[in-house]
Amino acid sequence: MTRERLQQEKEAFLKYLDGFKGYSPHSVLNYEVSIQQMLDRGEIVEEEGTLKINLMPLRLVIASQKPKTISSKLSAIRSFITYLREQGNTIELRGDESIKVPKALPKPISHDHIMSALQHADPLSSLAITLLYSMGLRISELSNLKEGDITSEWCRVIGKGKKERDIPMIPEVYHQFKAFQASSSSKEYIFEALGKKLSENSLRYILTKAFKDIGLRVTPHQLRHSYATELLNHGARIADVSELLGHASMATTQIYTKLGNALKMDNYLKSHPICQHSGELPC
């Protein structure tokens, strides 16, 4: 299999991710960059009908990058190789050994900070923030949200892999949506400009600016973390939260319970009198 043929297979794989798997444009782009790096830097030879790919030259190039970035690139390449094997190709892959990536706890934004941003935000920014925070949406899901997806009781969300899930609609949020809808020129999607839906990057810019105006650096995904954390801290079942977030596995949701424990410990150390007066304890 020549490099030119691999380029063609790469394009077919990216179309598969976009059209069949329903990956976001951002994810497809990350796959494209990683696979192209493999094609440009990897050692690729074919011997007796077996395609042999050595990733070590590529790993030397990306060795200085963050472990999470390297792991993501290797995962994308392995997915591509799996796709090629499913097409009947015999492939040996070397140098794709995983590296250990430390799991970082998500960083939610406090409820008070979110309320402060909403007080200073314009109607579009306010609704976008509210929808992310009240339903735990991904930014891609917010961009694809249509007016017909929302009723007074539920919101139908199309998540990763085009999987659908229904999220309860809070009455106050629904009223805010209807008020925005009445003053908006949108025809299909909730957030539109010049007859087209706002892109993920446009919405990301709007949201980060709204928080920047009150002196905070916040990403849209942190609002999703805040949603999950608030639900779990107030007694919601982890199975329900996992379903509401659209997680494929409950194990993904488990990280929020670890965050809750970390916050409890932090509050404990700030509150217990022994911790507050540790310098007064006898030796």
C-alpha atoms as a PDB file:
ATOM      1  CA  MET A   1       0.000   0.000   0.000  1.00  0.00           C
ATOM      2  CA  THR A   2       1.663   3.213  -1.172  1.00  0.00           C
ATOM      3  CA  ARG A   3       1.632   6.505   0.735  1.00  0.00           C
ATOM      4  CA  GLU A   4      -0.651   7.882  -1.955  1.00  0.00           C
ATOM      5  CA  ARG A   5      -3.109   5.053  -1.270  1.00  0.00           C
ATOM      6  CA  LEU A   6      -2.835   5.722   2.455  1.00  0.00           C
ATOM      7  CA  GLN A   7      -3.703   9.366   1.803  1.00  0.00           C
ATOM      8  CA  GLN A   8      -6.840   8.234  -0.005  1.00  0.00           C
ATOM      9  CA  GLU A   9      -7.715   5.883   2.846  1.00  0.00           C
ATOM     10  CA  LYS A  10      -7.179   8.741   5.300  1.00  0.00           C
ATOM     11  CA  GLU A  11      -9.732  10.890   3.470  1.00  0.00           C
ATOM     12  CA  ALA A  12     -12.234   8.001   3.456  1.00  0.00           C
ATOM     13  CA  PHE A  13     -11.661   7.474   7.191  1.00  0.00           C
ATOM     14  CA  LEU A  14     -12.264  11.163   7.970  1.00  0.00           C
ATOM     15  CA  LYS A  15     -15.523  11.047   6.003  1.00  0.00           C
ATOM     16  CA  TYR A  16     -16.472   7.963   8.006  1.00  0.00           C
ATOM     17  CA  LEU A  17     -15.852   9.821  11.277  1.00  0.00           C
ATOM     18  CA  ASP A  18     -17.861  12.813  10.110  1.00  0.00           C
ATOM     19  CA  GLY A  19     -20.755  11.154   8.313  1.00  0.00           C
ATOM     20  CA  PHE A  20     -21.211   7.826  10.102  1.00  0.00           C
ATOM     21  CA  LYS A  21     -19.733   8.311  13.568  1.00  0.00           C
ATOM     22  CA  GLY A  22     -20.950  11.900  13.894  1.00  0.00           C
ATOM     23  CA  TYR A  23     -17.689  13.342  15.229  1.00  0.00           C
ATOM     24  CA  SER A  24     -17.473  17.111  15.613  1.00  0.00           C
ATOM     25  CA  PRO A  25     -15.421  19.115  13.068  1.00  0.00           C
ATOM     26  CA  HIS A  26     -12.877  19.840  15.805  1.00  0.00           C
ATOM     27  CA  SER A  27     -12.403  16.129  16.544  1.00  0.00           C
ATOM     28  CA  VAL A  28     -12.147  15.243  12.849  1.00  0.00           C
ATOM     29  CA  LEU A  29      -9.473  17.921  12.420  1.00  0.00           C
ATOM     30  CA  ASN A  30      -7.459  16.477  15.325  1.00  0.00           C
ATOM     31  CA  TYR A  31      -7.644  13.027  13.736  1.00  0.00           C
ATOM     32  CA  GLU A  32      -6.558  14.455  10.385  1.00  0.00           C
ATOM     33  CA  VAL A  33      -3.525  16.218  11.870  1.00  0.00           C
ATOM     34  CA  SER A  34      -2.413  13.133  13.818  1.00  0.00           C
ATOM     35  CA  ILE A  35      -2.781  10.737  10.899  1.00  0.00           C
ATOM     36  CA  GLN A  36      -1.007  13.123   8.546  1.00  0.00           C
ATOM     37  CA  GLN A  37       1.898  13.320  10.984  1.00  0.00           C
ATOM     38  CA  MET A  38       2.074   9.540  10.891  1.00  0.00           C
ATOM     39  CA  LEU A  39       2.162   9.578   7.093  1.00  0.00           C
ATOM     40  CA  ASP A  40       4.812  12.319   7.022  1.00  0.00           C
ATOM     41  CA  ARG A  41       7.074  11.118   9.833  1.00  0.00           C
ATOM     42  CA  GLY A  42       6.447   7.402  10.294  1.00  0.00           C
ATOM     43  CA  GLU A  43       8.528   4.672   8.667  1.00  0.00           C
ATOM     44  CA  ILE A  44       6.207   2.878   6.250  1.00  0.00           C
ATOM     45  CA  VAL A  45       7.254  -0.170   4.238  1.00  0.00           C
ATOM     46  CA  GLU A  46       5.395  -3.104   2.701  1.00  0.00           C
ATOM     47  CA  GLU A  47       6.849  -6.593   2.834  1.00  0.00           C
ATOM     48  CA  GLU A  48       5.150  -9.680   1.429  1.00  0.00           C
ATOM     49  CA  GLY A  49       1.698  -8.152   1.602  1.00  0.00           C
ATOM     50  CA  THR A  50       2.133  -6.808   5.139  1.00  0.00           C
ATOM     51  CA  LEU A  51       2.226  -3.052   5.747  1.00  0.00           C
ATOM     52  CA  LYS A  52       4.748  -2.249   8.478  1.00  0.00           C
ATOM     53  CA  ILE A  53       4.485   1.119  10.202  1.00  0.00           C
ATOM     54  CA  ASN A  54       7.018   2.309  12.789  1.00  0.00           C
ATOM     55  CA  LEU A  55       5.940   5.383  14.772  1.00  0.00           C
ATOM     56  CA  MET A  56       9.229   5.909  16.632  1.00  0.00           C
ATOM     57  CA  PRO A  57      10.447   8.690  14.276  1.00  0.00           C
ATOM     58  CA  LEU A  58       7.155  10.503  14.903  1.00  0.00           C
ATOM     59  CA  ARG A  59       7.399   9.991  18.663  1.00  0.00           C
ATOM     60  CA  LEU A  60      10.847  11.605  18.682  1.00  0.00           C
ATOM     61  CA  VAL A  61       9.331  14.678  17.010  1.00  0.00           C
ATOM     62  CA  ILE A  62       6.392  14.990  19.424  1.00  0.00           C
ATOM     63  CA  ALA A  63       8.294  13.871  22.544  1.00  0.00           C
ATOM     64  CA  SER A  64       8.332  17.405  23.983  1.00  0.00           C
ATOM     65  CA  GLN A  65       4.547  17.757  23.817  1.00  0.00           C
ATOM     66  CA  LYS A  66       2.232  17.156  26.761  1.00  0.00           C
ATOM     67  CA  PRO A  67       1.551  13.491  27.619  1.00  0.00           C
ATOM     68  CA  LYS A  68      -2.171  14.015  27.012  1.00  0.00           C
ATOM     69  CA  THR A  69      -1.464  15.384  23.512  1.00  0.00           C
ATOM     70  CA  ILE A  70       0.843  12.483  22.649  1.00  0.00           C
ATOM     71  CA  SER A  71      -1.679   9.949  23.953  1.00  0.00           C
ATOM     72  CA  SER A  72      -4.444  11.578  21.903  1.00  0.00           C
ATOM     73  CA  LYS A  73      -2.348  11.443  18.721  1.00  0.00           C
ATOM     74  CA  LEU A  74      -1.486   7.779  19.238  1.00  0.00           C
ATOM     75  CA  SER A  75      -5.123   6.953  19.903  1.00  0.00           C
ATOM     76  CA  ALA A  76      -6.181   8.628  16.653  1.00  0.00           C
ATOM     77  CA  ILE A  77      -3.536   6.690  14.703  1.00  0.00           C
ATOM     78  CA  ARG A  78      -4.579   3.385  16.289  1.00  0.00           C
ATOM     79  CA  SER A  79      -8.198   4.083  15.305  1.00  0.00           C
ATOM     80  CA  PHE A  80      -7.095   4.643  11.714  1.00  0.00           C
ATOM     81  CA  ILE A  81      -5.082   1.418  11.709  1.00  0.00           C
ATOM     82  CA  THR A  82      -8.095  -0.482  13.089  1.00  0.00           C
ATOM     83  CA  TYR A  83     -10.184   0.988  10.272  1.00  0.00           C
ATOM     84  CA  LEU A  84      -7.619  -0.173   7.680  1.00  0.00           C
ATOM     85  CA  ARG A  85      -7.524  -3.669   9.157  1.00  0.00           C
ATOM     86  CA  GLU A  86     -11.301  -3.868   8.963  1.00  0.00           C
ATOM     87  CA  GLN A  87     -10.916  -3.202   5.220  1.00  0.00           C
ATOM     88  CA  GLY A  88      -8.881  -6.406   4.967  1.00  0.00           C
ATOM     89  CA  ASN A  89      -5.355  -4.956   5.193  1.00  0.00           C
ATOM     90  CA  THR A  90      -2.593  -6.723   7.123  1.00  0.00           C
ATOM     91  CA  ILE A  91      -0.732  -4.139   9.192  1.00  0.00           C
ATOM     92  CA  GLU A  92       2.003  -4.282  11.820  1.00  0.00           C
ATOM     93  CA  LEU A  93       2.184  -1.171  13.988  1.00  0.00           C
ATOM     94  CA  ARG A  94       5.209  -0.405  16.149  1.00  0.00           C
ATOM     95  CA  GLY A  95       5.944   2.441  18.523  1.00  0.00           C
ATOM     96  CA  ASP A  96       2.307   3.014  19.478  1.00  0.00           C
ATOM     97  CA  GLU A  97       2.764   2.085  23.138  1.00  0.00           C
ATOM     98  CA  SER A  98       0.628   4.232  25.393  1.00  0.00           C
ATOM     99  CA  ILE A  99       2.122   6.666  27.867  1.00  0.00           C
ATOM    100  CA  LYS A 100       0.745   7.366  31.310  1.00  0.00           C
ATOM    101  CA  VAL A 101      -1.420  10.463  31.404  1.00  0.00           C
ATOM    102  CA  PRO A 102      -2.174  11.948  34.833  1.00  0.00           C
ATOM    103  CA  LYS A 103      -5.896  12.431  35.276  1.00  0.00           C
ATOM    104  CA  ALA A 104      -6.661  16.061  36.051  1.00  0.00           C
ATOM    105  CA  LEU A 105      -9.788  16.906  37.960  1.00  0.00           C
ATOM    106  CA  PRO A 106     -12.251  19.119  36.093  1.00  0.00           C
ATOM    107  CA  LYS A 107     -12.399  22.737  37.206  1.00  0.00           C
ATOM    108  CA  PRO A 108     -15.995  23.850  37.674  1.00  0.00           C
ATOM    109  CA  ILE A 109     -17.036  27.481  38.029  1.00  0.00           C
ATOM    110  CA  SER A 110     -18.860  28.470  41.182  1.00  0.00           C
ATOM    111  CA  HIS A 111     -22.575  29.198  41.001  1.00  0.00           C
ATOM    112  CA  ASP A 112     -21.979  32.756  42.259  1.00  0.00           C
ATOM    113  CA  HIS A 113     -19.491  33.496  39.476  1.00  0.00           C
ATOM    114  CA  ILE A 114     -21.893  32.175  36.859  1.00  0.00           C
ATOM    115  CA  MET A 115     -24.705  34.322  38.252  1.00  0.00           C
ATOM    116  CA  SER A 116     -22.404  37.348  38.196  1.00  0.00           C
ATOM    117  CA  ALA A 117     -21.584  36.759  34.520  1.00  0.00           C
ATOM    118  CA  LEU A 118     -25.283  36.423  33.704  1.00  0.00           C
ATOM    119  CA  GLN A 119     -26.037  39.781  35.337  1.00  0.00           C
ATOM    120  CA  HIS A 120     -23.619  41.540  32.981  1.00  0.00           C
ATOM    121  CA  ALA A 121     -24.280  39.493  29.813  1.00  0.00           C
ATOM    122  CA  ASP A 122     -26.335  40.462  26.775  1.00  0.00           C
ATOM    123  CA  PRO A 123     -29.399  38.300  25.901  1.00  0.00           C
ATOM    124  CA  LEU A 124     -27.514  35.998  23.511  1.00  0.00           C
ATOM    125  CA  SER A 125     -24.592  35.403  25.879  1.00  0.00           C
ATOM    126  CA  SER A 126     -26.965  35.002  28.806  1.00  0.00           C
ATOM    127  CA  LEU A 127     -29.037  32.318  27.088  1.00  0.00           C
ATOM    128  CA  ALA A 128     -25.939  30.448  25.874  1.00  0.00           C
ATOM    129  CA  ILE A 129     -24.442  30.400  29.382  1.00  0.00           C
ATOM    130  CA  THR A 130     -27.770  29.379  30.917  1.00  0.00           C
ATOM    131  CA  LEU A 131     -28.296  26.490  28.488  1.00  0.00           C
ATOM    132  CA  LEU A 132     -24.788  25.148  29.072  1.00  0.00           C
ATOM    133  CA  TYR A 133     -25.070  25.443  32.842  1.00  0.00           C
ATOM    134  CA  SER A 134     -28.656  24.195  33.218  1.00  0.00           C
ATOM    135  CA  MET A 135     -28.273  21.175  30.907  1.00  0.00           C
ATOM    136  CA  GLY A 136     -24.567  20.304  30.927  1.00  0.00           C
ATOM    137  CA  LEU A 137     -24.210  20.658  27.169  1.00  0.00           C
ATOM    138  CA  ARG A 138     -21.042  20.371  25.140  1.00  0.00           C
ATOM    139  CA  ILE A 139     -20.287  23.424  22.983  1.00  0.00           C
ATOM    140  CA  SER A 140     -20.922  21.334  19.845  1.00  0.00           C
ATOM    141  CA  GLU A 141     -24.341  20.356  21.188  1.00  0.00           C
ATOM    142  CA  LEU A 142     -25.174  23.993  21.893  1.00  0.00           C
ATOM    143  CA  SER A 143     -24.206  25.009  18.357  1.00  0.00           C
ATOM    144  CA  ASN A 144     -26.425  22.286  16.863  1.00  0.00           C
ATOM    145  CA  LEU A 145     -29.419  22.984  19.109  1.00  0.00           C
ATOM    146  CA  LYS A 146     -32.550  23.767  17.088  1.00  0.00           C
ATOM    147  CA  GLU A 147     -35.601  25.710  18.177  1.00  0.00           C
ATOM    148  CA  GLY A 148     -37.749  22.639  17.618  1.00  0.00           C
ATOM    149  CA  ASP A 149     -35.611  20.631  20.061  1.00  0.00           C
ATOM    150  CA  ILE A 150     -36.967  22.544  23.060  1.00  0.00           C
ATOM    151  CA  THR A 151     -40.386  22.139  24.668  1.00  0.00           C
ATOM    152  CA  SER A 152     -41.656  23.451  27.986  1.00  0.00           C
ATOM    153  CA  GLU A 153     -40.640  20.179  29.659  1.00  0.00           C
ATOM    154  CA  TRP A 154     -37.760  18.642  27.704  1.00  0.00           C
ATOM    155  CA  CYS A 155     -34.840  19.406  25.428  1.00  0.00           C
ATOM    156  CA  ARG A 156     -33.764  16.843  22.818  1.00  0.00           C
ATOM    157  CA  VAL A 157     -29.972  16.867  22.428  1.00  0.00           C
ATOM    158  CA  ILE A 158     -27.927  15.172  19.702  1.00  0.00           C
ATOM    159  CA  GLY A 159     -24.628  14.211  21.307  1.00  0.00           C
ATOM    160  CA  LYS A 160     -21.475  12.363  20.305  1.00  0.00           C
ATOM    161  CA  GLY A 161     -22.011   9.647  17.751  1.00  0.00           C
ATOM    162  CA  LYS A 162     -25.389  11.241  16.971  1.00  0.00           C
ATOM    163  CA  LYS A 163     -26.821   9.689  20.137  1.00  0.00           C
ATOM    164  CA  GLU A 164     -29.994  11.369  21.344  1.00  0.00           C
ATOM    165  CA  ARG A 165     -30.833  12.154  24.955  1.00  0.00           C
ATOM    166  CA  ASP A 166     -33.618  14.120  26.629  1.00  0.00           C
ATOM    167  CA  ILE A 167     -32.800  16.645  29.353  1.00  0.00           C
ATOM    168  CA  PRO A 168     -35.431  18.180  31.659  1.00  0.00           C
ATOM    169  CA  MET A 169     -36.171  21.824  30.890  1.00  0.00           C
ATOM    170  CA  ILE A 170     -36.274  24.167  33.890  1.00  0.00           C
ATOM    171  CA  PRO A 171     -39.339  26.485  33.599  1.00  0.00           C
ATOM    172  CA  GLU A 172     -37.283  29.664  34.111  1.00  0.00           C
ATOM    173  CA  VAL A 173     -34.850  28.585  31.404  1.00  0.00           C
ATOM    174  CA  TYR A 174     -37.714  27.839  29.036  1.00  0.00           C
ATOM    175  CA  HIS A 175     -39.190  31.314  29.606  1.00  0.00           C
ATOM    176  CA  GLN A 176     -35.770  32.852  28.919  1.00  0.00           C
ATOM    177  CA  PHE A 177     -35.524  30.839  25.704  1.00  0.00           C
ATOM    178  CA  LYS A 178     -39.003  31.937  24.550  1.00  0.00           C
ATOM    179  CA  ALA A 179     -38.188  35.587  25.250  1.00  0.00           C
ATOM    180  CA  PHE A 180     -34.979  35.315  23.240  1.00  0.00           C
ATOM    181  CA  GLN A 181     -36.801  33.490  20.452  1.00  0.00           C
ATOM    182  CA  ALA A 182     -39.390  36.288  20.206  1.00  0.00           C
ATOM    183  CA  SER A 183     -36.679  38.885  19.600  1.00  0.00           C
ATOM    184  CA  SER A 184     -34.450  36.720  17.400  1.00  0.00           C
ATOM    185  CA  SER A 185     -34.433  36.400  13.616  1.00  0.00           C
ATOM    186  CA  SER A 186     -33.320  32.750  13.798  1.00  0.00           C
ATOM    187  CA  LYS A 187     -35.248  30.358  11.545  1.00  0.00           C
ATOM    188  CA  GLU A 188     -33.989  26.914  12.539  1.00  0.00           C
ATOM    189  CA  TYR A 189     -31.119  26.931  15.010  1.00  0.00           C
ATOM    190  CA  ILE A 190     -31.359  28.789  18.292  1.00  0.00           C
ATOM    191  CA  PHE A 191     -28.181  30.740  17.626  1.00  0.00           C
ATOM    192  CA  GLU A 192     -27.881  32.029  14.066  1.00  0.00           C
ATOM    193  CA  ALA A 193     -26.242  34.886  12.188  1.00  0.00           C
ATOM    194  CA  LEU A 194     -27.031  35.814   8.588  1.00  0.00           C
ATOM    195  CA  GLY A 195     -29.234  32.754   8.233  1.00  0.00           C
ATOM    196  CA  LYS A 196     -26.576  30.260   9.380  1.00  0.00           C
ATOM    197  CA  LYS A 197     -26.021  28.653  12.753  1.00  0.00           C
ATOM    198  CA  LEU A 198     -23.253  30.123  14.873  1.00  0.00           C
ATOM    199  CA  SER A 199     -20.156  27.941  14.847  1.00  0.00           C
ATOM    200  CA  GLU A 200     -18.638  26.378  17.928  1.00  0.00           C
ATOM    201  CA  ASN A 201     -15.768  28.867  17.769  1.00  0.00           C
ATOM    202  CA  SER A 202     -18.165  31.822  17.578  1.00  0.00           C
ATOM    203  CA  LEU A 203     -20.118  30.617  20.600  1.00  0.00           C
ATOM    204  CA  ARG A 204     -16.888  29.849  22.450  1.00  0.00           C
ATOM    205  CA  TYR A 205     -15.707  33.419  21.858  1.00  0.00           C
ATOM    206  CA  ILE A 206     -19.029  34.884  23.028  1.00  0.00           C
ATOM    207  CA  LEU A 207     -18.966  32.848  26.230  1.00  0.00           C
ATOM    208  CA  THR A 208     -15.346  33.457  27.133  1.00  0.00           C
ATOM    209  CA  LYS A 209     -15.835  37.187  26.560  1.00  0.00           C
ATOM    210  CA  ALA A 210     -18.851  37.242  28.885  1.00  0.00           C
ATOM    211  CA  PHE A 211     -16.719  35.844  31.711  1.00  0.00           C
ATOM    212  CA  LYS A 212     -13.711  37.945  30.765  1.00  0.00           C
ATOM    213  CA  ASP A 213     -15.890  41.011  31.332  1.00  0.00           C
ATOM    214  CA  ILE A 214     -16.071  40.069  35.029  1.00  0.00           C
ATOM    215  CA  GLY A 215     -12.382  39.201  35.219  1.00  0.00           C
ATOM    216  CA  LEU A 216     -12.541  35.413  34.814  1.00  0.00           C
ATOM    217  CA  ARG A 217     -11.027  32.992  32.322  1.00  0.00           C
ATOM    218  CA  VAL A 218     -13.681  30.368  31.685  1.00  0.00           C
ATOM    219  CA  THR A 219     -14.176  27.771  28.960  1.00  0.00           C
ATOM    220  CA  PRO A 220     -17.615  26.481  27.884  1.00  0.00           C
ATOM    221  CA  HIS A 221     -16.685  22.977  29.045  1.00  0.00           C
ATOM    222  CA  GLN A 222     -16.194  24.252  32.594  1.00  0.00           C
ATOM    223  CA  LEU A 223     -19.913  25.048  32.689  1.00  0.00           C
ATOM    224  CA  ARG A 224     -20.582  21.388  31.876  1.00  0.00           C
ATOM    225  CA  HIS A 225     -18.325  20.452  34.789  1.00  0.00           C
ATOM    226  CA  SER A 226     -20.233  22.865  37.029  1.00  0.00           C
ATOM    227  CA  TYR A 227     -23.535  21.261  36.011  1.00  0.00           C
ATOM    228  CA  ALA A 228     -22.343  17.763  36.893  1.00  0.00           C
ATOM    229  CA  THR A 229     -20.661  18.842  40.121  1.00  0.00           C
ATOM    230  CA  GLU A 230     -23.707  20.748  41.393  1.00  0.00           C
ATOM    231  CA  LEU A 231     -26.025  17.817  40.679  1.00  0.00           C
ATOM    232  CA  LEU A 232     -23.803  15.274  42.443  1.00  0.00           C
ATOM    233  CA  ASN A 233     -23.112  17.555  45.406  1.00  0.00           C
ATOM    234  CA  HIS A 234     -26.855  17.973  45.916  1.00  0.00           C
ATOM    235  CA  GLY A 235     -27.718  14.293  45.952  1.00  0.00           C
ATOM    236  CA  ALA A 236     -28.334  13.324  42.312  1.00  0.00           C
ATOM    237  CA  ARG A 237     -27.603   9.680  41.472  1.00  0.00           C
ATOM    238  CA  ILE A 238     -24.419   9.213  39.480  1.00  0.00           C
ATOM    239  CA  ALA A 239     -26.261   6.949  37.007  1.00  0.00           C
ATOM    240  CA  ASP A 240     -28.739   9.743  36.264  1.00  0.00           C
ATOM    241  CA  VAL A 241     -25.991  12.358  35.898  1.00  0.00           C
ATOM    242  CA  SER A 242     -24.090  10.060  33.551  1.00  0.00           C
ATOM    243  CA  GLU A 243     -27.178   9.693  31.365  1.00  0.00           C
ATOM    244  CA  LEU A 244     -27.883  13.438  31.386  1.00  0.00           C
ATOM    245  CA  LEU A 245     -24.290  14.180  30.336  1.00  0.00           C
ATOM    246  CA  GLY A 246     -24.457  11.635  27.520  1.00  0.00           C
ATOM    247  CA  HIS A 247     -21.455   9.680  28.795  1.00  0.00           C
ATOM    248  CA  ALA A 248     -20.920   6.335  27.087  1.00  0.00           C
ATOM    249  CA  SER A 249     -19.638   4.875  30.354  1.00  0.00           C
ATOM    250  CA  MET A 250     -20.411   5.703  33.973  1.00  0.00           C
ATOM    251  CA  ALA A 251     -16.673   5.482  34.626  1.00  0.00           C
ATOM    252  CA  THR A 252     -16.299   8.829  32.867  1.00  0.00           C
ATOM    253  CA  THR A 253     -18.711  10.399  35.335  1.00  0.00           C
ATOM    254  CA  GLN A 254     -16.808   8.984  38.318  1.00  0.00           C
ATOM    255  CA  ILE A 255     -14.225  11.765  38.059  1.00  0.00           C
ATOM    256  CA  TYR A 256     -16.817  14.220  39.394  1.00  0.00           C
ATOM    257  CA  THR A 257     -17.175  12.207  42.594  1.00  0.00           C
ATOM    258  CA  LYS A 258     -13.418  12.543  43.072  1.00  0.00           C
ATOM    259  CA  LEU A 259     -13.787  16.276  42.588  1.00  0.00           C
ATOM    260  CA  GLY A 260     -16.497  16.339  45.239  1.00  0.00           C
ATOM    261  CA  ASN A 261     -14.166  14.580  47.679  1.00  0.00           C
ATOM    262  CA  ALA A 262     -11.382  17.049  46.887  1.00  0.00           C
ATOM    263  CA  LEU A 263     -13.700  19.981  47.583  1.00  0.00           C
ATOM    264  CA  LYS A 264     -14.859  18.408  50.837  1.00  0.00           C
ATOM    265  CA  MET A 265     -11.254  18.019  51.970  1.00  0.00           C
ATOM    266  CA  ASP A 266     -10.442  21.614  51.019  1.00  0.00           C
ATOM    267  CA  ASN A 267     -13.457  22.915  52.926  1.00  0.00           C
ATOM    268  CA  TYR A 268     -12.554  20.710  55.905  1.00  0.00           C
ATOM    269  CA  LEU A 269      -9.029  22.066  56.077  1.00  0.00           C
ATOM    270  CA  LYS A 270     -10.388  25.608  55.950  1.00  0.00           C
ATOM    271  CA  SER A 271     -13.091  25.021  58.563  1.00  0.00           C
ATOM    272  CA  HIS A 272     -11.838  22.702  61.319  1.00  0.00           C
ATOM    273  CA  PRO A 273     -10.479  24.655  64.320  1.00  0.00           C
ATOM    274  CA  ILE A 274      -7.426  22.406  64.632  1.00  0.00           C
ATOM    275  CA  CYS A 275      -6.527  23.182  61.001  1.00  0.00           C
ATOM    276  CA  GLN A 276      -7.125  26.900  61.580  1.00  0.00           C
ATOM    277  CA  HIS A 277      -4.930  27.022  64.692  1.00  0.00           C
ATOM    278  CA  SER A 278      -2.371  24.353  63.847  1.00  0.00           C
ATOM    279  CA  GLY A 279       0.450  26.649  64.927  1.00  0.00           C
ATOM    280  CA  GLU A 280      -0.928  26.687  68.475  1.00  0.00           C
ATOM    281  CA  LEU A 281      -0.714  22.887  68.972  1.00  0.00           C
ATOM    282  CA  PRO A 282       1.966  21.691  71.420  1.00  0.00           C
ATOM    283  CA  CYS A 283       4.944  19.809  70.003  1.00  0.00           C
END
